[in-house]
Amino acid sequence: MVGLWGQEGLDAAEVLYLAMYGVQHRGQQSAGLAINDKGRIVYHKELGLLSEVFNDVVVQHLNGARAGVAQCGQHIASENLRENALPLVLRYTKGQMAITYSGSLLNGRELRMALEKSGFMFQSTSDAEIIAQLLSRERVKCHSIEDALKRVMKQLVGPYSLLIMTPNKLVAARDPRGMKPLVLGKLGDSYMFASESSAFDTVGGTLVRDVVPGEIAVVDDNGLRSSFINAEDTAMCIFEFVYTARTDSIIDGACVYDARFEAGKILAAEYPLDADIVIGAPDSGLPAAFGYAHASGIPYAEGFHKNRYIGRTFIQPLQTTRELAVSLKLNSMRSRIEGKRVILVDDSIVRGTTTKKIVTMMKERDGAKEVHLLIASPPVKYSCRYGVDTTNKDMLMASRLSVDEICKELGADSLGFLSEEGLMRTPIGAKCGFCAACFDGKYPVEKNGGAVYE
């Protein structure tokens, strides 16, 4: 998601449209853009990739405004509906507002049921609409939207970051544990917010800082101001550094590329192997492969051609879609692989779909002498409750099989995972704590706010 409160003469629609390409990797199932047209909020959203939802005609139709919010959305398969596309734009007793949201409310069902019993009606299954309804209820009791948001945030349990645009201000908020990323940037004298700093880079903006956990940042024609609710022990999602975030992003003080490169260096120390070449699985496995090659002295070789017109396979909602996308997305290079002892470095094994096909391709079709598989993260054994689409534990290969069994299932000659201790050393310079529940089963927040261990 991306937000902009611009100076006069800045075309918010064009800036936001381009900035969305910097966060397209976070959501490939819907795209939407809402602009503040002299106090009136106008929007366009639809299911599909950004390039499918928007064109020059649509963007030009939204031009002329200097403020707006936008989002590329990701939905679980059962909720991939147009009404769940964001931003959510609605009218309430104080006027209009538009909301973009990233997260997963653990108490969302209870909040929705309570609101429905009070007479509220819902048009979507999105948590964003729950927050909007709570805001509309609290806003009549408060002096400002940010005061209402403070009251609402005390009712929310779970990870979230959100942007709220009204006719006269833009509000950004991050949950008290900072589990979802949210950053503040500038484009000239204009303020921007985004899920990742890569959105700023796309339009020539600069990263200023992270939105602090528990912070409510408000931008209007008077500038930027912030207020806070009580922050808790921070628990940023470590999987951002493993896979989710773009390599050129900086999150909570740590560079994503540097974290992945460091993971490869630590893998080389934990798994010293004798091989001819190191190959990385595109794209998030590449920096770790570079790190392994750098630390081990084994030459790095480009081993795959990637079709750049195919989306990310892990976040495809259906297994059949993921399997087809893998075949379309990657093709190994026989000339680099044949007869070689290969160290293949990948970022993670979740369901195993991509990895199994890659190993099979390299050994059976391309004639690799050996394929030693190294993973730049620990085994994903536990389902994520906080928004990553691994809700069914049975879908996770490492929850069902031992390391030796996974190695056999994938057809590799050997298999090694980065240690949990090694993973926690990878985000160099990070200014936060981390949630690693998908690896260790230690969930930092439950519905009652306490830690839960599985």
Protein backbone atom coordinates (compact mmCIF):
# COMPACT_ATOMS: atom_id res chain seq x y z
CA MET A 1 0.00 0.00 0.00
CA VAL A 2 1.05 3.57 -0.71
CA GLY A 3 -0.20 6.98 0.40
CA LEU A 4 0.65 10.52 -0.67
CA TRP A 5 -0.13 14.00 0.66
CA GLY A 6 1.35 16.25 -1.97
CA GLN A 7 2.04 19.86 -2.70
CA GLU A 8 0.07 21.88 -5.25
CA GLY A 9 0.86 20.88 -8.81
CA LEU A 10 1.71 17.27 -7.98
CA ASP A 11 -0.41 14.65 -9.78
CA ALA A 12 -1.16 12.15 -7.02
CA ALA A 13 -2.76 9.57 -9.32
CA GLU A 14 0.30 9.30 -11.55
CA VAL A 15 2.73 9.21 -8.63
CA LEU A 16 0.74 6.55 -6.76
CA TYR A 17 0.23 4.47 -9.88
CA LEU A 18 3.98 4.34 -10.47
CA ALA A 19 4.74 3.82 -6.78
CA MET A 20 2.46 0.79 -6.71
CA TYR A 21 4.88 -1.00 -9.03
CA GLY A 22 7.32 -0.80 -6.13
CA VAL A 23 5.00 -2.91 -3.96
CA GLN A 24 3.30 -5.06 -6.64
CA HIS A 25 5.18 -8.10 -5.28
CA ARG A 26 3.17 -7.86 -2.04
CA GLY A 27 -0.15 -8.44 -3.79
CA GLN A 28 -1.05 -9.64 -7.27
CA GLN A 29 -4.77 -10.26 -7.09
CA SER A 30 -6.23 -6.75 -6.99
CA ALA A 31 -5.25 -3.12 -7.36
CA GLY A 32 -6.95 0.12 -6.41
CA LEU A 33 -6.36 3.85 -6.22
CA ALA A 34 -8.35 6.58 -4.48
CA ILE A 35 -7.60 10.30 -4.86
CA ASN A 36 -8.73 13.39 -2.98
CA ASP A 37 -10.33 15.59 -5.65
CA LYS A 38 -10.80 18.91 -3.82
CA GLY A 39 -12.42 17.22 -0.86
CA ARG A 40 -14.26 14.54 -2.84
CA ILE A 41 -12.78 11.03 -2.85
CA VAL A 42 -12.82 9.34 -6.26
CA TYR A 43 -11.50 5.83 -6.82
CA HIS A 44 -10.95 2.95 -9.20
CA LYS A 45 -10.24 -0.67 -8.19
CA GLU A 46 -10.61 -4.13 -9.66
CA LEU A 47 -9.31 -7.68 -9.43
CA GLY A 48 -6.09 -8.32 -11.32
CA LEU A 49 -2.51 -7.16 -11.63
CA LEU A 50 -1.76 -3.45 -11.58
CA SER A 51 -1.12 -3.49 -15.34
CA GLU A 52 -4.52 -5.14 -15.90
CA VAL A 53 -6.53 -2.82 -13.65
CA PHE A 54 -5.02 0.50 -14.76
CA ASN A 55 -4.14 2.10 -18.09
CA ASP A 56 -3.42 5.63 -19.26
CA VAL A 57 -7.10 6.43 -19.67
CA VAL A 58 -7.99 5.39 -16.12
CA VAL A 59 -5.02 7.18 -14.56
CA GLN A 60 -5.79 10.35 -16.52
CA HIS A 61 -9.39 10.19 -15.33
CA LEU A 62 -8.08 10.34 -11.76
CA ASN A 63 -5.57 13.14 -12.36
CA GLY A 64 -5.59 16.62 -10.91
CA ALA A 65 -5.49 15.64 -7.23
CA ARG A 66 -2.52 16.06 -4.88
CA ALA A 67 -3.41 13.37 -2.32
CA GLY A 68 -4.41 9.74 -2.45
CA VAL A 69 -3.98 6.16 -1.26
CA ALA A 70 -3.44 2.98 -3.26
CA GLN A 71 -2.98 -0.74 -2.75
CA CYS A 72 -2.02 -3.93 -4.54
CA GLY A 73 -3.99 -6.61 -2.72
CA GLN A 74 -3.57 -10.26 -1.87
CA HIS A 75 -6.52 -12.40 -0.78
CA ILE A 76 -6.94 -16.00 0.26
CA ALA A 77 -8.67 -18.06 -2.43
CA SER A 78 -12.13 -17.99 -0.82
CA GLU A 79 -12.03 -14.19 -0.46
CA ASN A 80 -10.67 -13.19 -3.86
CA LEU A 81 -13.71 -11.02 -4.54
CA ARG A 82 -14.00 -7.56 -6.09
CA GLU A 83 -15.64 -6.15 -2.96
CA ASN A 84 -12.49 -7.05 -1.00
CA ALA A 85 -10.25 -4.98 -3.27
CA LEU A 86 -8.81 -1.91 -1.55
CA PRO A 87 -8.89 1.02 -0.97
CA LEU A 88 -12.24 0.83 0.77
CA VAL A 89 -14.10 4.09 0.17
CA LEU A 90 -17.20 4.95 2.17
CA ARG A 91 -19.36 7.75 3.50
CA TYR A 92 -20.18 8.13 7.18
CA THR A 93 -21.55 10.76 9.51
CA LYS A 94 -18.44 12.97 9.23
CA GLY A 95 -18.02 12.68 5.45
CA GLN A 96 -15.88 10.39 3.29
CA MET A 97 -12.81 8.31 3.99
CA ALA A 98 -10.65 5.83 2.11
CA ILE A 99 -8.79 3.01 3.86
CA THR A 100 -5.93 0.76 2.78
CA TYR A 101 -4.82 -2.01 5.10
CA SER A 102 -2.26 -4.78 5.46
CA GLY A 103 -2.61 -7.33 8.23
CA SER A 104 -4.73 -9.97 9.87
CA LEU A 105 -6.96 -9.21 12.84
CA LEU A 106 -7.00 -12.17 15.22
CA ASN A 107 -10.21 -10.89 16.79
CA GLY A 108 -11.76 -9.83 13.48
CA ARG A 109 -14.58 -12.37 13.61
CA GLU A 110 -15.62 -11.33 17.11
CA LEU A 111 -15.50 -7.64 16.20
CA ARG A 112 -17.58 -8.22 13.08
CA MET A 113 -20.21 -10.24 14.96
CA ALA A 114 -20.50 -7.56 17.66
CA LEU A 115 -20.92 -4.83 15.04
CA GLU A 116 -23.53 -6.84 13.15
CA LYS A 117 -25.51 -7.34 16.35
CA SER A 118 -25.42 -3.57 16.79
CA GLY A 119 -26.98 -3.04 13.37
CA PHE A 120 -23.89 -2.53 11.17
CA MET A 121 -23.97 -4.06 7.69
CA PHE A 122 -20.96 -5.35 5.76
CA GLN A 123 -20.37 -5.56 2.01
CA SER A 124 -17.05 -7.42 2.13
CA THR A 125 -15.11 -9.93 4.20
CA SER A 126 -12.14 -7.56 4.55
CA ASP A 127 -10.73 -6.57 7.95
CA ALA A 128 -10.49 -3.05 6.51
CA GLU A 129 -14.27 -2.78 6.62
CA ILE A 130 -14.30 -3.80 10.29
CA ILE A 131 -11.85 -1.01 11.04
CA ALA A 132 -13.92 1.43 8.99
CA GLN A 133 -17.10 0.56 10.89
CA LEU A 134 -15.32 0.91 14.22
CA LEU A 135 -13.95 4.28 13.12
CA SER A 136 -17.38 5.52 12.08
CA ARG A 137 -18.77 4.54 15.48
CA GLU A 138 -15.95 6.13 17.46
CA ARG A 139 -15.63 9.23 15.29
CA VAL A 140 -18.90 10.75 16.55
CA LYS A 141 -17.47 10.67 20.09
CA CYS A 142 -14.13 12.25 19.19
CA HIS A 143 -12.71 15.56 18.04
CA SER A 144 -10.70 14.08 15.15
CA ILE A 145 -10.19 10.95 13.09
CA GLU A 146 -6.84 10.31 14.81
CA ASP A 147 -8.49 10.43 18.24
CA ALA A 148 -11.08 7.94 17.00
CA LEU A 149 -8.29 5.77 15.62
CA LYS A 150 -6.61 5.65 19.03
CA ARG A 151 -9.79 4.23 20.50
CA VAL A 152 -10.11 1.74 17.65
CA MET A 153 -6.50 0.53 17.84
CA LYS A 154 -7.04 -0.44 21.48
CA GLN A 155 -9.74 -2.84 20.27
CA LEU A 156 -7.63 -4.49 17.55
CA VAL A 157 -5.56 -7.62 18.20
CA GLY A 158 -3.01 -8.77 15.67
CA PRO A 159 -0.68 -7.34 13.03
CA TYR A 160 -1.70 -4.40 10.87
CA SER A 161 -0.56 -1.26 9.17
CA LEU A 162 -3.06 1.08 7.60
CA LEU A 163 -3.61 4.36 5.79
CA ILE A 164 -6.74 6.47 6.15
CA MET A 165 -7.47 9.42 3.88
CA THR A 166 -10.18 11.97 4.64
CA PRO A 167 -10.89 15.14 2.62
CA ASN A 168 -8.40 17.13 4.71
CA LYS A 169 -5.71 14.75 5.97
CA LEU A 170 -3.83 11.49 5.55
CA VAL A 171 -3.38 9.22 8.59
CA ALA A 172 -0.94 6.30 8.89
CA ALA A 173 -0.86 3.79 11.75
CA ARG A 174 1.13 0.70 12.71
CA ASP A 175 0.20 -1.91 15.28
CA PRO A 176 1.86 -1.69 18.74
CA ARG A 177 4.19 -4.62 18.02
CA GLY A 178 5.21 -3.40 14.57
CA MET A 179 4.48 -6.78 13.01
CA LYS A 180 3.74 -5.31 9.58
CA PRO A 181 6.14 -2.87 7.92
CA LEU A 182 5.20 0.76 7.27
CA VAL A 183 7.60 3.50 6.24
CA LEU A 184 7.53 7.28 5.87
CA GLY A 185 9.14 9.00 2.92
CA LYS A 186 9.31 12.29 1.07
CA LEU A 187 8.98 13.29 -2.58
CA GLY A 188 10.27 16.83 -2.66
CA ASP A 189 8.18 18.62 -0.05
CA SER A 190 5.41 16.01 -0.21
CA TYR A 191 4.95 13.20 2.31
CA MET A 192 4.50 9.56 1.40
CA PHE A 193 3.78 6.33 3.28
CA ALA A 194 4.28 2.81 1.98
CA SER A 195 4.59 -0.83 2.99
CA GLU A 196 8.17 -0.78 1.71
CA SER A 197 10.75 1.85 0.80
CA SER A 198 10.93 0.40 -2.73
CA ALA A 199 7.74 2.37 -3.50
CA PHE A 200 9.59 5.63 -2.85
CA ASP A 201 12.55 4.63 -5.02
CA THR A 202 10.21 3.94 -7.94
CA VAL A 203 9.11 7.61 -8.09
CA GLY A 204 12.34 9.28 -7.02
CA GLY A 205 11.37 9.72 -3.38
CA THR A 206 13.51 9.14 -0.31
CA LEU A 207 13.06 7.08 2.83
CA VAL A 208 12.80 9.21 5.99
CA ARG A 209 12.15 6.58 8.67
CA ASP A 210 9.94 3.71 9.72
CA VAL A 211 6.57 4.45 11.26
CA VAL A 212 7.14 3.50 14.89
CA PRO A 213 5.10 0.62 16.36
CA GLY A 214 2.01 2.14 17.96
CA GLU A 215 2.45 5.41 16.08
CA ILE A 216 -0.37 7.39 14.47
CA ALA A 217 1.19 9.79 11.95
CA VAL A 218 -0.98 12.55 10.47
CA VAL A 219 -0.18 14.68 7.43
CA ASP A 220 -2.22 17.70 6.38
CA ASP A 221 -1.53 21.17 5.03
CA ASN A 222 0.09 22.05 8.37
CA GLY A 223 2.72 19.33 7.97
CA LEU A 224 3.45 16.11 9.84
CA ARG A 225 2.60 15.31 13.45
CA SER A 226 2.46 12.09 15.45
CA SER A 227 0.83 10.61 18.50
CA PHE A 228 1.24 7.18 20.05
CA ILE A 229 -0.53 4.38 21.82
CA ASN A 230 1.48 2.18 24.16
CA ALA A 231 3.96 0.12 22.17
CA GLU A 232 4.63 -3.51 23.16
CA ASP A 233 7.60 -5.82 22.59
CA THR A 234 8.23 -5.52 18.87
CA ALA A 235 7.77 -8.60 16.69
CA MET A 236 8.40 -7.71 13.07
CA CYS A 237 7.75 -10.60 10.66
CA ILE A 238 11.16 -12.16 9.96
CA PHE A 239 9.75 -13.67 6.76
CA GLU A 240 9.90 -10.18 5.24
CA PHE A 241 13.67 -10.61 5.11
CA VAL A 242 13.47 -14.21 3.93
CA TYR A 243 11.00 -13.81 1.06
CA THR A 244 8.22 -11.25 1.22
CA ALA A 245 10.00 -7.91 0.83
CA ARG A 246 11.83 -6.65 -2.22
CA THR A 247 15.61 -6.95 -2.02
CA ASP A 248 16.12 -3.20 -2.42
CA SER A 249 13.88 -2.29 0.54
CA ILE A 250 15.02 -1.15 3.96
CA ILE A 251 12.80 -2.27 6.83
CA ASP A 252 13.21 -1.20 10.44
CA GLY A 253 16.79 -0.16 9.80
CA ALA A 254 17.91 -3.32 7.97
CA CYS A 255 18.57 -3.75 4.24
CA VAL A 256 16.73 -6.78 2.85
CA TYR A 257 19.47 -7.59 0.33
CA ASP A 258 22.16 -7.46 3.00
CA ALA A 259 20.10 -9.77 5.24
CA ARG A 260 19.79 -12.37 2.48
CA PHE A 261 23.47 -12.08 1.53
CA GLU A 262 24.38 -12.58 5.20
CA ALA A 263 22.16 -15.67 5.31
CA GLY A 264 24.25 -17.17 2.52
CA LYS A 265 27.48 -16.42 4.36
CA ILE A 266 26.14 -18.09 7.50
CA LEU A 267 25.00 -21.10 5.44
CA ALA A 268 28.55 -21.46 4.16
CA ALA A 269 29.80 -21.64 7.75
CA GLU A 270 27.08 -24.06 8.83
CA TYR A 271 27.26 -26.28 5.72
CA PRO A 272 30.75 -26.32 4.13
CA LEU A 273 30.37 -28.43 0.99
CA ASP A 274 32.59 -29.57 -1.87
CA ALA A 275 30.99 -28.62 -5.19
CA ASP A 276 31.70 -27.11 -8.60
CA ILE A 277 29.21 -24.24 -8.70
CA VAL A 278 26.67 -22.35 -6.60
CA ILE A 279 23.30 -21.51 -8.16
CA GLY A 280 20.52 -19.42 -6.66
CA ALA A 281 16.81 -20.01 -7.19
CA PRO A 282 15.35 -16.75 -8.59
CA ASP A 283 14.65 -14.27 -7.22
CA SER A 284 14.75 -14.22 -3.42
CA GLY A 285 17.29 -17.06 -3.29
CA LEU A 286 19.87 -15.18 -5.35
CA PRO A 287 21.40 -12.91 -2.67
CA ALA A 288 21.88 -15.89 -0.34
CA ALA A 289 23.56 -17.81 -3.17
CA PHE A 290 25.89 -14.83 -3.76
CA GLY A 291 26.67 -14.82 -0.04
CA TYR A 292 27.43 -18.54 -0.01
CA ALA A 293 29.69 -18.27 -3.05
CA HIS A 294 31.47 -15.24 -1.57
CA ALA A 295 32.13 -16.97 1.76
CA SER A 296 32.98 -20.42 0.37
CA GLY A 297 35.04 -19.45 -2.66
CA ILE A 298 32.98 -21.78 -4.87
CA PRO A 299 32.12 -20.00 -8.16
CA TYR A 300 28.63 -18.65 -8.62
CA ALA A 301 26.88 -19.54 -11.89
CA GLU A 302 23.60 -18.31 -13.29
CA GLY A 303 21.57 -21.47 -13.73
CA PHE A 304 18.05 -20.33 -14.59
CA HIS A 305 16.18 -18.18 -17.03
CA LYS A 306 13.20 -16.57 -15.37
CA ASN A 307 10.10 -15.52 -17.26
CA ARG A 308 9.49 -12.03 -15.82
CA TYR A 309 5.87 -12.05 -16.91
CA ILE A 310 4.85 -14.72 -14.39
CA GLY A 311 3.92 -13.76 -10.83
CA ARG A 312 5.21 -15.15 -7.54
CA THR A 313 4.25 -18.81 -7.14
CA PHE A 314 4.24 -19.05 -3.34
CA ILE A 315 1.43 -16.51 -2.99
CA GLN A 316 -0.77 -18.02 -5.67
CA PRO A 317 -3.98 -19.09 -3.89
CA LEU A 318 -4.43 -22.56 -5.44
CA GLN A 319 -1.96 -25.46 -5.56
CA THR A 320 -2.73 -26.25 -9.21
CA THR A 321 -2.06 -22.62 -10.13
CA ARG A 322 1.24 -22.66 -8.24
CA GLU A 323 2.43 -25.82 -10.01
CA LEU A 324 1.61 -24.42 -13.45
CA ALA A 325 3.24 -21.09 -12.61
CA VAL A 326 6.48 -22.85 -11.63
CA SER A 327 6.71 -24.56 -15.03
CA LEU A 328 6.05 -21.32 -16.85
CA LYS A 329 8.31 -19.20 -14.66
CA LEU A 330 11.67 -21.00 -14.54
CA ASN A 331 13.83 -22.86 -17.01
CA SER A 332 17.25 -24.20 -16.04
CA MET A 333 20.34 -23.87 -18.27
CA ARG A 334 21.70 -27.30 -19.20
CA SER A 335 25.03 -25.93 -20.41
CA ARG A 336 25.81 -24.57 -16.93
CA ILE A 337 24.57 -27.62 -15.00
CA GLU A 338 25.39 -30.81 -16.93
CA GLY A 339 27.95 -32.98 -15.16
CA LYS A 340 28.40 -30.49 -12.31
CA ARG A 341 28.15 -30.87 -8.56
CA VAL A 342 25.70 -28.09 -7.82
CA ILE A 343 24.88 -26.26 -4.61
CA LEU A 344 21.36 -24.90 -5.09
CA VAL A 345 20.40 -22.12 -2.66
CA ASP A 346 16.76 -21.19 -2.13
CA ASP A 347 15.11 -18.81 0.32
CA SER A 348 12.65 -21.21 1.98
CA ILE A 349 10.62 -24.38 1.63
CA VAL A 350 6.95 -23.83 2.39
CA ARG A 351 4.89 -26.29 0.37
CA GLY A 352 7.84 -27.59 -1.64
CA THR A 353 6.15 -27.12 -5.02
CA THR A 354 8.79 -24.95 -6.65
CA THR A 355 11.82 -26.64 -5.08
CA LYS A 356 10.87 -30.17 -6.10
CA LYS A 357 10.32 -29.17 -9.71
CA ILE A 358 13.63 -27.32 -9.83
CA VAL A 359 15.66 -30.22 -8.40
CA THR A 360 13.95 -32.69 -10.74
CA MET A 361 14.61 -30.45 -13.72
CA MET A 362 18.29 -30.08 -12.88
CA LYS A 363 18.97 -33.77 -12.27
CA GLU A 364 16.71 -35.60 -14.72
CA ARG A 365 16.68 -33.21 -17.66
CA ASP A 366 19.92 -31.24 -17.36
CA GLY A 367 22.20 -33.98 -16.07
CA ALA A 368 23.51 -32.44 -12.86
CA LYS A 369 25.94 -34.87 -11.23
CA GLU A 370 24.81 -33.84 -7.73
CA VAL A 371 22.35 -31.28 -6.35
CA HIS A 372 22.97 -30.18 -2.78
CA LEU A 373 20.08 -28.06 -1.57
CA LEU A 374 20.64 -25.31 1.01
CA ILE A 375 17.80 -23.22 2.39
CA ALA A 376 18.43 -19.69 3.67
CA SER A 377 15.91 -20.05 6.50
CA PRO A 378 14.90 -22.74 9.04
CA PRO A 379 12.19 -25.31 8.26
CA VAL A 380 8.71 -23.72 8.08
CA LYS A 381 6.88 -26.00 10.52
CA TYR A 382 4.03 -23.83 11.79
CA SER A 383 1.21 -22.03 10.04
CA CYS A 384 1.20 -18.25 10.06
CA ARG A 385 -1.69 -16.58 11.89
CA TYR A 386 -0.64 -13.13 10.81
CA GLY A 387 -1.40 -12.83 7.12
CA VAL A 388 1.04 -15.13 5.25
CA ASP A 389 -1.01 -17.71 3.34
CA THR A 390 0.12 -20.86 5.20
CA THR A 391 -3.00 -21.24 7.33
CA ASN A 392 -3.24 -25.03 6.94
CA LYS A 393 -0.36 -26.67 8.79
CA ASP A 394 -0.77 -29.86 6.74
CA MET A 395 0.29 -27.87 3.66
CA LEU A 396 3.74 -27.27 5.15
CA MET A 397 6.30 -29.88 4.09
CA ALA A 398 8.47 -29.47 7.19
CA SER A 399 5.51 -29.99 9.53
CA ARG A 400 4.95 -33.45 8.06
CA LEU A 401 8.45 -34.68 7.25
CA SER A 402 11.91 -34.78 8.83
CA VAL A 403 14.86 -33.12 7.09
CA ASP A 404 16.00 -36.49 5.71
CA GLU A 405 12.47 -37.24 4.47
CA ILE A 406 12.22 -33.82 2.82
CA CYS A 407 15.56 -34.41 1.10
CA LYS A 408 14.33 -37.72 -0.26
CA GLU A 409 10.97 -36.26 -1.32
CA LEU A 410 12.68 -33.43 -3.21
CA GLY A 411 15.26 -35.72 -4.80
CA ALA A 412 18.29 -33.79 -3.58
CA ASP A 413 21.65 -35.37 -2.68
CA SER A 414 21.76 -33.43 0.59
CA LEU A 415 19.67 -30.79 2.34
CA GLY A 416 20.53 -28.16 4.92
CA PHE A 417 18.48 -25.41 6.55
CA LEU A 418 19.81 -22.19 8.07
CA SER A 419 19.69 -22.40 11.86
CA GLU A 420 17.21 -20.25 13.80
CA GLU A 421 20.11 -18.57 15.57
CA GLY A 422 21.73 -17.84 12.23
CA LEU A 423 18.52 -16.38 10.81
CA MET A 424 18.19 -13.92 13.66
CA ARG A 425 21.67 -12.58 12.87
CA THR A 426 20.82 -11.76 9.27
CA PRO A 427 18.90 -8.42 9.53
CA ILE A 428 22.03 -6.37 10.19
CA GLY A 429 21.28 -3.11 12.02
CA ALA A 430 17.63 -3.91 12.66
CA LYS A 431 15.96 -1.75 15.29
CA CYS A 432 13.24 -4.20 16.25
CA GLY A 433 12.48 -7.65 17.57
CA PHE A 434 11.09 -10.38 15.34
CA CYS A 435 8.26 -12.85 15.04
CA ALA A 436 9.56 -16.22 13.87
CA ALA A 437 6.46 -18.24 14.73
CA CYS A 438 6.46 -20.02 11.36
CA PHE A 439 9.83 -21.50 12.34
CA ASP A 440 9.67 -21.93 16.13
CA GLY A 441 5.93 -22.02 16.94
CA LYS A 442 6.22 -19.12 19.41
CA TYR A 443 3.35 -16.81 18.52
CA PRO A 444 3.97 -13.35 20.04
CA VAL A 445 0.31 -12.39 20.25
CA GLU A 446 -2.95 -14.29 20.57
CA LYS A 447 -6.50 -13.03 20.87
CA ASN A 448 -5.93 -12.30 24.53
CA GLY A 449 -2.69 -10.49 23.74
CA GLY A 450 -0.46 -13.11 25.36
CA ALA A 451 2.14 -15.41 23.86
CA VAL A 452 1.17 -18.89 22.75
CA TYR A 453 3.54 -21.81 22.12
CA GLU A 454 2.80 -24.86 19.99
